[in-house]
Amino acid sequence: MRVAILVPLALVVLFVAVYAVTGSSALVLPWLRGERVLVDPAVVHLGVLPRDAGVVDVRVRVVNLHSSPVRLLGAQRSCGCISLGRFPVEISSGEVQAIAMRVAVPERPETIDESVTLFANVSGVESLTVRIVGRVE
């Protein structure tokens, strides 16, 4: 009976502790897997957009839980419809940096499923990928 109570309690304490470190419930599992440079959200949901939406501004957070600074060297976009700010971007240990993206919405009905890969200078964390999904009606 004690084990049945202690195990869930230990999991809750672990979740809360990792949440306190990462600042996001979505980053708990990656942190437990040993990932120390994280992107949040990893998937940006644009939802259903009208054809005349023009450009949608999106922000993701890059969280550096690594023991040393991280430099984002650049990015590769799956589509010219995505524009990004300037690189390189420095992120100190324990810091969070917002990365702004602009997505040009197609003027015809279609599914949006694009990606941006950010390249970093840390061994074991050479790249971080963000998916951008949605639908134009």
Protein backbone atom coordinates (compact mmCIF):
# COMPACT_ATOMS: atom_id res chain seq x y z
CA MET A 1 0.00 0.00 0.00
CA ARG A 2 2.83 2.41 0.85
CA VAL A 3 4.55 1.83 -2.49
CA ALA A 4 1.28 2.51 -4.29
CA ILE A 5 1.17 5.94 -2.64
CA LEU A 6 4.88 6.79 -2.69
CA VAL A 7 5.54 6.13 -6.38
CA PRO A 8 2.87 8.55 -7.70
CA LEU A 9 3.91 11.09 -5.07
CA ALA A 10 7.56 10.80 -6.15
CA LEU A 11 6.54 11.28 -9.79
CA VAL A 12 4.58 14.41 -8.92
CA VAL A 13 7.53 15.82 -6.96
CA LEU A 14 9.87 15.03 -9.87
CA PHE A 15 7.50 16.68 -12.37
CA VAL A 16 7.19 19.82 -10.23
CA ALA A 17 10.98 20.03 -9.74
CA VAL A 18 11.70 19.69 -13.47
CA TYR A 19 8.89 22.14 -14.29
CA ALA A 20 10.55 24.64 -11.96
CA VAL A 21 13.82 24.21 -13.89
CA THR A 22 12.39 24.31 -17.43
CA GLY A 23 9.46 26.69 -16.96
CA SER A 24 7.17 24.61 -19.17
CA SER A 25 5.28 21.36 -18.78
CA ALA A 26 6.04 20.59 -22.45
CA LEU A 27 9.78 20.61 -21.66
CA VAL A 28 9.69 18.17 -18.74
CA LEU A 29 10.02 14.99 -20.85
CA PRO A 30 12.84 16.34 -23.08
CA TRP A 31 14.72 17.46 -19.96
CA LEU A 32 14.33 14.01 -18.40
CA ARG A 33 15.72 12.50 -21.65
CA GLY A 34 18.87 14.56 -21.10
CA GLU A 35 18.18 17.37 -23.56
CA ARG A 36 19.58 20.65 -22.22
CA VAL A 37 18.84 23.06 -25.07
CA LEU A 38 15.12 23.03 -25.72
CA VAL A 39 12.66 24.77 -28.02
CA ASP A 40 9.13 25.58 -26.84
CA PRO A 41 6.80 25.00 -28.54
CA ALA A 42 8.35 22.40 -30.82
CA VAL A 43 5.16 22.50 -32.92
CA VAL A 44 3.48 25.84 -33.62
CA HIS A 45 -0.22 25.40 -34.39
CA LEU A 46 -1.53 28.25 -36.54
CA GLY A 47 -5.03 26.82 -36.61
CA VAL A 48 -7.41 27.61 -39.47
CA LEU A 49 -6.49 30.81 -41.28
CA PRO A 50 -8.37 32.84 -43.90
CA ARG A 51 -6.79 33.24 -47.35
CA ASP A 52 -6.34 36.95 -46.73
CA ALA A 53 -4.43 36.49 -43.45
CA GLY A 54 -1.26 37.91 -45.00
CA VAL A 55 1.58 37.32 -42.55
CA VAL A 56 1.39 35.61 -39.17
CA ASP A 57 3.98 36.46 -36.50
CA VAL A 58 5.16 33.50 -34.42
CA ARG A 59 7.54 33.27 -31.47
CA VAL A 60 9.26 30.24 -29.99
CA ARG A 61 11.46 30.12 -26.91
CA VAL A 62 14.88 28.51 -26.89
CA VAL A 63 15.76 27.49 -23.34
CA ASN A 64 19.42 26.91 -22.48
CA LEU A 65 19.74 24.53 -19.52
CA HIS A 66 23.26 23.57 -20.64
CA SER A 67 26.19 24.47 -18.39
CA SER A 68 27.71 26.76 -21.01
CA PRO A 69 26.45 29.46 -23.39
CA VAL A 70 24.83 28.37 -26.64
CA ARG A 71 25.13 30.15 -29.95
CA LEU A 72 22.43 29.68 -32.56
CA LEU A 73 24.47 30.01 -35.73
CA GLY A 74 21.66 30.15 -38.28
CA ALA A 75 18.57 28.42 -39.57
CA GLN A 76 17.26 26.42 -42.50
CA ARG A 77 13.65 26.97 -43.54
CA SER A 78 11.59 24.41 -45.44
CA CYS A 79 9.89 27.22 -47.35
CA GLY A 80 10.64 30.77 -48.45
CA CYS A 81 7.33 31.71 -46.83
CA ILE A 82 9.10 31.83 -43.44
CA SER A 83 11.36 34.71 -42.50
CA LEU A 84 13.56 34.96 -39.44
CA GLY A 85 15.53 37.60 -37.59
CA ARG A 86 19.30 37.92 -37.52
CA PHE A 87 21.79 35.28 -36.51
CA PRO A 88 23.93 34.41 -34.63
CA VAL A 89 21.97 34.53 -31.37
CA GLU A 90 23.75 34.06 -28.03
CA ILE A 91 21.93 32.37 -25.15
CA SER A 92 23.69 32.33 -21.79
CA SER A 93 23.50 29.31 -19.52
CA GLY A 94 20.14 29.27 -17.71
CA GLU A 95 18.64 31.88 -20.05
CA VAL A 96 15.72 31.91 -22.48
CA GLN A 97 15.72 33.63 -25.87
CA ALA A 98 12.66 34.30 -28.00
CA ILE A 99 13.06 33.62 -31.72
CA ALA A 100 10.65 35.56 -33.94
CA MET A 101 9.38 34.10 -37.21
CA ARG A 102 7.03 35.50 -39.82
CA VAL A 103 4.94 33.10 -41.88
CA ALA A 104 3.42 34.30 -45.15
CA VAL A 105 0.01 32.65 -45.44
CA PRO A 106 -0.86 31.19 -48.87
CA GLU A 107 -3.72 32.87 -50.73
CA ARG A 108 -5.34 29.56 -51.63
CA PRO A 109 -6.76 26.74 -49.52
CA GLU A 110 -4.05 24.34 -48.44
CA THR A 111 -2.44 22.63 -45.48
CA ILE A 112 0.57 24.33 -43.93
CA ASP A 113 3.24 21.91 -42.71
CA GLU A 114 6.63 23.61 -42.69
CA SER A 115 9.70 23.53 -40.49
CA VAL A 116 12.60 25.63 -39.30
CA THR A 117 15.82 23.98 -38.16
CA LEU A 118 18.00 26.09 -35.87
CA PHE A 119 21.71 25.22 -35.84
CA ALA A 120 23.66 25.45 -32.58
CA ASN A 121 27.32 25.25 -31.61
CA VAL A 122 26.94 22.76 -28.75
CA SER A 123 28.09 19.17 -29.16
CA GLY A 124 25.08 16.87 -28.98
CA VAL A 125 22.72 19.77 -29.74
CA GLU A 126 23.68 20.61 -33.28
CA SER A 127 20.11 21.42 -34.32
CA LEU A 128 16.62 22.13 -32.99
CA THR A 129 13.56 21.78 -35.21
CA VAL A 130 10.30 23.71 -35.02
CA ARG A 131 7.28 22.56 -37.06
CA ILE A 132 4.69 25.09 -38.17
CA VAL A 133 1.29 23.63 -39.01
CA GLY A 134 -2.11 24.97 -39.92
CA ARG A 135 -4.72 25.16 -42.60
CA VAL A 136 -5.80 27.89 -45.00
CA GLU A 137 -9.45 27.98 -46.04
